[in-house]
Amino acid sequence: MSTPNHIPDQSGRTIGREWLIGSLTGAIAIASVVLGRHFRHLETRRADALVAGAAVVLVLSGIYAVRYIARAFGRTIVRSSSLSAGATARLVIDGIGVVALIFGLFGVLGVSLQHLLIGAGVTGVIVGIAAQQSLANVFAAVVLLFARPFVVGERIRIRSGVLGVLDVQVLGAGLTYVTVRTEDGVLKIPNSVMLASGIGRLSDDGTVQH
């Protein structure tokens, strides 16, 4: 039996159910943000309790919304691409959803977003400089996911200033590397290098398809 953390079943019924649950819980989360911000301006003794209740509902519904929408999106990508591409898409949606949930919670609780954004900006610059290459590979993975210059299992020709010209078979694609099989063995190519390369699909006779 599969667990919620895997993407083994790509049936239309499963994906439709997950989109439905994610949409409903997402709507509840949005309503919690709106009501929580409204309750915060009420001048009653119950205002704090109402705000706290809205925050709890937001967290619970937001977690379910992010989980189910990410799973549905990942399964949808898997049906049209590969398991690794679906896992990458799910990870990206999870990250975006968590950030949105945090900002929504701060909005309900009345935390100053201006100071938060300033602090996040400074932290982001420091982290970005320290992890520039890793982040470049992650962003390249997202671009490759949607541009789809190749799919897992295909034979492709890579023209790169770093690699030269290589005819390879794509074995897998992740957040940092694309794994290919060359005449000399298995090679892991950084996503940023793949994104900057010319890529063409090879036909059975070894020529590039147009």
C-alpha atoms as a PDB file:
ATOM      1  CA  MET A   1       0.000   0.000   0.000  1.00  0.00           C
ATOM      2  CA  SER A   2       1.318   3.423  -0.927  1.00  0.00           C
ATOM      3  CA  THR A   3       1.974   6.175   1.562  1.00  0.00           C
ATOM      4  CA  PRO A   4       1.035   9.870   1.201  1.00  0.00           C
ATOM      5  CA  ASN A   5       4.689  10.787   0.658  1.00  0.00           C
ATOM      6  CA  HIS A   6       5.046   8.856  -2.621  1.00  0.00           C
ATOM      7  CA  ILE A   7       3.693   9.400  -6.122  1.00  0.00           C
ATOM      8  CA  PRO A   8       2.997   5.834  -7.307  1.00  0.00           C
ATOM      9  CA  ASP A   9      -0.554   6.240  -8.620  1.00  0.00           C
ATOM     10  CA  GLN A  10      -1.124   8.656 -11.485  1.00  0.00           C
ATOM     11  CA  SER A  11      -4.768   7.739 -12.191  1.00  0.00           C
ATOM     12  CA  GLY A  12      -7.099  10.552 -13.177  1.00  0.00           C
ATOM     13  CA  ARG A  13      -9.431   9.775 -10.278  1.00  0.00           C
ATOM     14  CA  THR A  14      -6.656  10.065  -7.696  1.00  0.00           C
ATOM     15  CA  ILE A  15      -5.347  13.304  -9.179  1.00  0.00           C
ATOM     16  CA  GLY A  16      -8.856  14.773  -9.387  1.00  0.00           C
ATOM     17  CA  ARG A  17      -9.542  13.934  -5.747  1.00  0.00           C
ATOM     18  CA  GLU A  18      -6.284  15.519  -4.630  1.00  0.00           C
ATOM     19  CA  TRP A  19      -6.947  18.684  -6.662  1.00  0.00           C
ATOM     20  CA  LEU A  20     -10.408  18.880  -5.071  1.00  0.00           C
ATOM     21  CA  ILE A  21      -9.133  18.445  -1.499  1.00  0.00           C
ATOM     22  CA  GLY A  22      -6.283  20.885  -2.122  1.00  0.00           C
ATOM     23  CA  SER A  23      -8.636  23.496  -3.603  1.00  0.00           C
ATOM     24  CA  LEU A  24     -11.181  23.210  -0.773  1.00  0.00           C
ATOM     25  CA  THR A  25      -8.598  23.397   2.003  1.00  0.00           C
ATOM     26  CA  GLY A  26      -6.845  26.222   0.144  1.00  0.00           C
ATOM     27  CA  ALA A  27     -10.116  28.158   0.038  1.00  0.00           C
ATOM     28  CA  ILE A  28     -10.534  27.599   3.782  1.00  0.00           C
ATOM     29  CA  ALA A  29      -6.979  28.845   4.369  1.00  0.00           C
ATOM     30  CA  ILE A  30      -7.625  32.016   2.364  1.00  0.00           C
ATOM     31  CA  ALA A  31     -10.890  32.613   4.230  1.00  0.00           C
ATOM     32  CA  SER A  32      -9.011  32.179   7.532  1.00  0.00           C
ATOM     33  CA  VAL A  33      -6.540  34.893   6.532  1.00  0.00           C
ATOM     34  CA  VAL A  34      -9.333  37.306   5.607  1.00  0.00           C
ATOM     35  CA  LEU A  35     -11.332  36.625   8.774  1.00  0.00           C
ATOM     36  CA  GLY A  36      -8.242  36.675  10.991  1.00  0.00           C
ATOM     37  CA  ARG A  37      -7.235  40.105   9.732  1.00  0.00           C
ATOM     38  CA  HIS A  38     -10.807  41.293  10.290  1.00  0.00           C
ATOM     39  CA  PHE A  39     -10.965  39.881  13.827  1.00  0.00           C
ATOM     40  CA  ARG A  40      -7.685  41.609  14.664  1.00  0.00           C
ATOM     41  CA  HIS A  41      -9.373  45.003  14.272  1.00  0.00           C
ATOM     42  CA  LEU A  42     -12.362  44.178  16.466  1.00  0.00           C
ATOM     43  CA  GLU A  43     -12.495  45.963  19.811  1.00  0.00           C
ATOM     44  CA  THR A  44     -13.986  43.143  21.817  1.00  0.00           C
ATOM     45  CA  ARG A  45     -12.739  40.818  24.523  1.00  0.00           C
ATOM     46  CA  ARG A  46     -13.078  37.851  22.201  1.00  0.00           C
ATOM     47  CA  ALA A  47     -10.916  39.375  19.460  1.00  0.00           C
ATOM     48  CA  ASP A  48      -7.701  37.652  20.580  1.00  0.00           C
ATOM     49  CA  ALA A  49      -9.465  34.297  20.843  1.00  0.00           C
ATOM     50  CA  LEU A  50     -10.981  34.717  17.377  1.00  0.00           C
ATOM     51  CA  VAL A  51      -7.607  35.659  15.889  1.00  0.00           C
ATOM     52  CA  ALA A  52      -5.983  32.632  17.535  1.00  0.00           C
ATOM     53  CA  GLY A  53      -8.746  30.391  16.196  1.00  0.00           C
ATOM     54  CA  ALA A  54      -8.307  31.772  12.686  1.00  0.00           C
ATOM     55  CA  ALA A  55      -4.532  31.173  12.936  1.00  0.00           C
ATOM     56  CA  VAL A  56      -5.063  27.549  13.977  1.00  0.00           C
ATOM     57  CA  VAL A  57      -7.530  26.946  11.136  1.00  0.00           C
ATOM     58  CA  LEU A  58      -5.111  28.594   8.711  1.00  0.00           C
ATOM     59  CA  VAL A  59      -2.206  26.382   9.742  1.00  0.00           C
ATOM     60  CA  LEU A  60      -4.222  23.148   9.589  1.00  0.00           C
ATOM     61  CA  SER A  61      -5.998  23.898   6.322  1.00  0.00           C
ATOM     62  CA  GLY A  62      -2.853  25.399   4.798  1.00  0.00           C
ATOM     63  CA  ILE A  63      -0.805  22.295   5.523  1.00  0.00           C
ATOM     64  CA  TYR A  64      -3.418  20.076   3.869  1.00  0.00           C
ATOM     65  CA  ALA A  65      -3.753  22.463   0.922  1.00  0.00           C
ATOM     66  CA  VAL A  66      -0.014  22.549   0.259  1.00  0.00           C
ATOM     67  CA  ARG A  67       0.322  18.782   0.665  1.00  0.00           C
ATOM     68  CA  TYR A  68      -2.529  17.816  -1.658  1.00  0.00           C
ATOM     69  CA  ILE A  69      -1.885  20.466  -4.314  1.00  0.00           C
ATOM     70  CA  ALA A  70       1.814  19.526  -4.425  1.00  0.00           C
ATOM     71  CA  ARG A  71       0.928  15.824  -4.710  1.00  0.00           C
ATOM     72  CA  ALA A  72      -1.622  16.455  -7.459  1.00  0.00           C
ATOM     73  CA  PHE A  73       0.776  18.677  -9.377  1.00  0.00           C
ATOM     74  CA  GLY A  74       3.566  16.112  -9.010  1.00  0.00           C
ATOM     75  CA  ARG A  75       1.355  13.273 -10.254  1.00  0.00           C
ATOM     76  CA  THR A  76       0.249  15.384 -13.219  1.00  0.00           C
ATOM     77  CA  ILE A  77       3.873  16.037 -14.193  1.00  0.00           C
ATOM     78  CA  VAL A  78       4.725  12.342 -13.795  1.00  0.00           C
ATOM     79  CA  ARG A  79       1.995  11.383 -16.277  1.00  0.00           C
ATOM     80  CA  SER A  80       3.496  13.637 -18.949  1.00  0.00           C
ATOM     81  CA  SER A  81       7.182  13.381 -18.050  1.00  0.00           C
ATOM     82  CA  SER A  82       8.990  11.247 -15.456  1.00  0.00           C
ATOM     83  CA  LEU A  83       8.991  10.357 -11.770  1.00  0.00           C
ATOM     84  CA  SER A  84      12.042  12.522 -11.073  1.00  0.00           C
ATOM     85  CA  ALA A  85      10.426  15.508 -12.797  1.00  0.00           C
ATOM     86  CA  GLY A  86       7.274  15.012 -10.721  1.00  0.00           C
ATOM     87  CA  ALA A  87       9.325  14.885  -7.522  1.00  0.00           C
ATOM     88  CA  THR A  88      11.089  18.110  -8.502  1.00  0.00           C
ATOM     89  CA  ALA A  89       7.785  19.855  -9.249  1.00  0.00           C
ATOM     90  CA  ARG A  90       6.335  18.669  -5.957  1.00  0.00           C
ATOM     91  CA  LEU A  91       9.329  19.970  -4.023  1.00  0.00           C
ATOM     92  CA  VAL A  92       9.019  23.391  -5.690  1.00  0.00           C
ATOM     93  CA  ILE A  93       5.277  23.622  -4.955  1.00  0.00           C
ATOM     94  CA  ASP A  94       5.898  22.535  -1.357  1.00  0.00           C
ATOM     95  CA  GLY A  95       8.451  25.313  -0.907  1.00  0.00           C
ATOM     96  CA  ILE A  96       6.223  27.995  -2.427  1.00  0.00           C
ATOM     97  CA  GLY A  97       3.245  26.808  -0.385  1.00  0.00           C
ATOM     98  CA  VAL A  98       5.130  26.842   2.909  1.00  0.00           C
ATOM     99  CA  VAL A  99       6.380  30.395   2.260  1.00  0.00           C
ATOM    100  CA  ALA A 100       2.839  31.546   1.396  1.00  0.00           C
ATOM    101  CA  LEU A 101       1.489  29.869   4.544  1.00  0.00           C
ATOM    102  CA  ILE A 102       4.076  31.596   6.747  1.00  0.00           C
ATOM    103  CA  PHE A 103       3.274  35.014   5.282  1.00  0.00           C
ATOM    104  CA  GLY A 104      -0.454  34.376   5.713  1.00  0.00           C
ATOM    105  CA  LEU A 105       0.047  33.406   9.347  1.00  0.00           C
ATOM    106  CA  PHE A 106       2.096  36.536  10.034  1.00  0.00           C
ATOM    107  CA  GLY A 107      -0.646  38.599   8.409  1.00  0.00           C
ATOM    108  CA  VAL A 108      -3.279  37.093  10.703  1.00  0.00           C
ATOM    109  CA  LEU A 109      -1.141  37.598  13.807  1.00  0.00           C
ATOM    110  CA  GLY A 110      -0.276  41.177  12.864  1.00  0.00           C
ATOM    111  CA  VAL A 111       3.469  40.666  12.498  1.00  0.00           C
ATOM    112  CA  SER A 112       5.076  43.522  10.539  1.00  0.00           C
ATOM    113  CA  LEU A 113       5.755  42.228   7.047  1.00  0.00           C
ATOM    114  CA  GLN A 114       7.960  45.222   6.268  1.00  0.00           C
ATOM    115  CA  HIS A 115      10.529  44.308   8.912  1.00  0.00           C
ATOM    116  CA  LEU A 116      10.169  40.641   7.995  1.00  0.00           C
ATOM    117  CA  LEU A 117      10.863  41.322   4.319  1.00  0.00           C
ATOM    118  CA  ILE A 118      13.906  43.456   5.156  1.00  0.00           C
ATOM    119  CA  GLY A 119      15.331  40.694   7.334  1.00  0.00           C
ATOM    120  CA  ALA A 120      14.472  38.037   4.749  1.00  0.00           C
ATOM    121  CA  GLY A 121      16.122  40.126   2.034  1.00  0.00           C
ATOM    122  CA  VAL A 122      19.388  40.418   3.928  1.00  0.00           C
ATOM    123  CA  THR A 123      19.332  36.719   4.778  1.00  0.00           C
ATOM    124  CA  GLY A 124      18.507  35.843   1.183  1.00  0.00           C
ATOM    125  CA  VAL A 125      21.477  37.788  -0.141  1.00  0.00           C
ATOM    126  CA  ILE A 126      23.854  36.036   2.254  1.00  0.00           C
ATOM    127  CA  VAL A 127      22.442  32.585   1.513  1.00  0.00           C
ATOM    128  CA  GLY A 128      22.343  33.310  -2.206  1.00  0.00           C
ATOM    129  CA  ILE A 129      26.033  34.223  -2.314  1.00  0.00           C
ATOM    130  CA  ALA A 130      26.998  31.185  -0.257  1.00  0.00           C
ATOM    131  CA  ALA A 131      24.921  28.747  -2.316  1.00  0.00           C
ATOM    132  CA  GLN A 132      24.985  30.423  -5.718  1.00  0.00           C
ATOM    133  CA  GLN A 133      25.921  27.335  -7.712  1.00  0.00           C
ATOM    134  CA  SER A 134      23.456  25.063  -5.910  1.00  0.00           C
ATOM    135  CA  LEU A 135      20.618  27.554  -6.378  1.00  0.00           C
ATOM    136  CA  ALA A 136      21.527  27.937 -10.046  1.00  0.00           C
ATOM    137  CA  ASN A 137      21.153  24.175 -10.485  1.00  0.00           C
ATOM    138  CA  VAL A 138      17.783  24.163  -8.708  1.00  0.00           C
ATOM    139  CA  PHE A 139      16.408  27.004 -10.839  1.00  0.00           C
ATOM    140  CA  ALA A 140      17.798  25.332 -13.946  1.00  0.00           C
ATOM    141  CA  ALA A 141      15.978  22.129 -12.935  1.00  0.00           C
ATOM    142  CA  VAL A 142      12.686  24.043 -12.827  1.00  0.00           C
ATOM    143  CA  VAL A 143      13.300  25.597 -16.269  1.00  0.00           C
ATOM    144  CA  LEU A 144      14.251  22.220 -17.758  1.00  0.00           C
ATOM    145  CA  LEU A 145      11.150  20.698 -16.187  1.00  0.00           C
ATOM    146  CA  PHE A 146       8.802  23.077 -17.999  1.00  0.00           C
ATOM    147  CA  ALA A 147      10.818  23.566 -21.215  1.00  0.00           C
ATOM    148  CA  ARG A 148      11.296  19.782 -21.607  1.00  0.00           C
ATOM    149  CA  PRO A 149      14.170  19.746 -24.116  1.00  0.00           C
ATOM    150  CA  PHE A 150      14.432  16.032 -23.314  1.00  0.00           C
ATOM    151  CA  VAL A 151      12.700  13.317 -21.323  1.00  0.00           C
ATOM    152  CA  VAL A 152      14.142  10.419 -19.356  1.00  0.00           C
ATOM    153  CA  GLY A 153      15.002   7.503 -21.613  1.00  0.00           C
ATOM    154  CA  GLU A 154      15.683   9.573 -24.734  1.00  0.00           C
ATOM    155  CA  ARG A 155      18.962   9.714 -26.651  1.00  0.00           C
ATOM    156  CA  ILE A 156      20.119  13.298 -27.119  1.00  0.00           C
ATOM    157  CA  ARG A 157      23.089  15.249 -28.460  1.00  0.00           C
ATOM    158  CA  ILE A 158      24.578  17.883 -26.136  1.00  0.00           C
ATOM    159  CA  ARG A 159      26.632  20.769 -27.538  1.00  0.00           C
ATOM    160  CA  SER A 160      28.356  22.624 -24.720  1.00  0.00           C
ATOM    161  CA  GLY A 161      31.399  24.854 -24.305  1.00  0.00           C
ATOM    162  CA  VAL A 162      32.179  22.888 -21.147  1.00  0.00           C
ATOM    163  CA  LEU A 163      31.470  19.351 -22.337  1.00  0.00           C
ATOM    164  CA  GLY A 164      32.000  19.613 -26.071  1.00  0.00           C
ATOM    165  CA  VAL A 165      29.693  17.417 -28.172  1.00  0.00           C
ATOM    166  CA  LEU A 166      28.242  14.335 -26.488  1.00  0.00           C
ATOM    167  CA  ASP A 167      25.714  11.756 -27.643  1.00  0.00           C
ATOM    168  CA  VAL A 168      24.078  10.356 -24.514  1.00  0.00           C
ATOM    169  CA  GLN A 169      21.019   8.577 -23.166  1.00  0.00           C
ATOM    170  CA  VAL A 170      19.185  10.361 -20.355  1.00  0.00           C
ATOM    171  CA  LEU A 171      18.873   8.120 -17.289  1.00  0.00           C
ATOM    172  CA  GLY A 172      17.371  10.572 -14.799  1.00  0.00           C
ATOM    173  CA  ALA A 173      16.889  14.214 -13.843  1.00  0.00           C
ATOM    174  CA  GLY A 174      16.969  15.672 -10.337  1.00  0.00           C
ATOM    175  CA  LEU A 175      17.283  18.991  -8.567  1.00  0.00           C
ATOM    176  CA  THR A 176      21.037  19.308  -9.137  1.00  0.00           C
ATOM    177  CA  TYR A 177      22.135  16.869 -11.847  1.00  0.00           C
ATOM    178  CA  VAL A 178      20.992  15.190 -15.036  1.00  0.00           C
ATOM    179  CA  THR A 179      22.296  11.617 -15.151  1.00  0.00           C
ATOM    180  CA  VAL A 180      23.255  10.360 -18.611  1.00  0.00           C
ATOM    181  CA  ARG A 181      24.954   7.325 -20.087  1.00  0.00           C
ATOM    182  CA  THR A 182      27.860   7.987 -22.435  1.00  0.00           C
ATOM    183  CA  GLU A 183      30.193   5.641 -24.303  1.00  0.00           C
ATOM    184  CA  ASP A 184      32.602   5.947 -21.365  1.00  0.00           C
ATOM    185  CA  GLY A 185      30.015   5.254 -18.666  1.00  0.00           C
ATOM    186  CA  VAL A 186      27.510   7.127 -16.507  1.00  0.00           C
ATOM    187  CA  LEU A 187      27.963  10.884 -16.153  1.00  0.00           C
ATOM    188  CA  LYS A 188      26.221  13.413 -13.910  1.00  0.00           C
ATOM    189  CA  ILE A 189      25.888  16.826 -15.569  1.00  0.00           C
ATOM    190  CA  PRO A 190      24.891  19.887 -13.481  1.00  0.00           C
ATOM    191  CA  ASN A 191      21.503  21.291 -14.485  1.00  0.00           C
ATOM    192  CA  SER A 192      23.000  24.746 -15.065  1.00  0.00           C
ATOM    193  CA  VAL A 193      25.376  23.259 -17.655  1.00  0.00           C
ATOM    194  CA  MET A 194      22.496  21.445 -19.365  1.00  0.00           C
ATOM    195  CA  LEU A 195      20.427  24.629 -19.475  1.00  0.00           C
ATOM    196  CA  ALA A 196      23.299  26.515 -21.152  1.00  0.00           C
ATOM    197  CA  SER A 197      23.876  23.755 -23.712  1.00  0.00           C
ATOM    198  CA  GLY A 198      22.396  23.098 -27.112  1.00  0.00           C
ATOM    199  CA  ILE A 199      20.268  19.943 -26.933  1.00  0.00           C
ATOM    200  CA  GLY A 200      18.836  17.911 -29.790  1.00  0.00           C
ATOM    201  CA  ARG A 201      16.939  14.627 -29.816  1.00  0.00           C
ATOM    202  CA  LEU A 202      18.638  11.804 -31.727  1.00  0.00           C
ATOM    203  CA  SER A 203      16.821   9.525 -34.127  1.00  0.00           C
ATOM    204  CA  ASP A 204      17.537   5.797 -34.455  1.00  0.00           C
ATOM    205  CA  ASP A 205      20.148   6.425 -37.144  1.00  0.00           C
ATOM    206  CA  GLY A 206      22.081   8.828 -34.915  1.00  0.00           C
ATOM    207  CA  THR A 207      21.017  12.074 -36.597  1.00  0.00           C
ATOM    208  CA  VAL A 208      19.467  15.021 -34.764  1.00  0.00           C
ATOM    209  CA  GLN A 209      15.698  15.267 -35.189  1.00  0.00           C
ATOM    210  CA  HIS A 210      14.305  18.512 -36.562  1.00  0.00           C
END
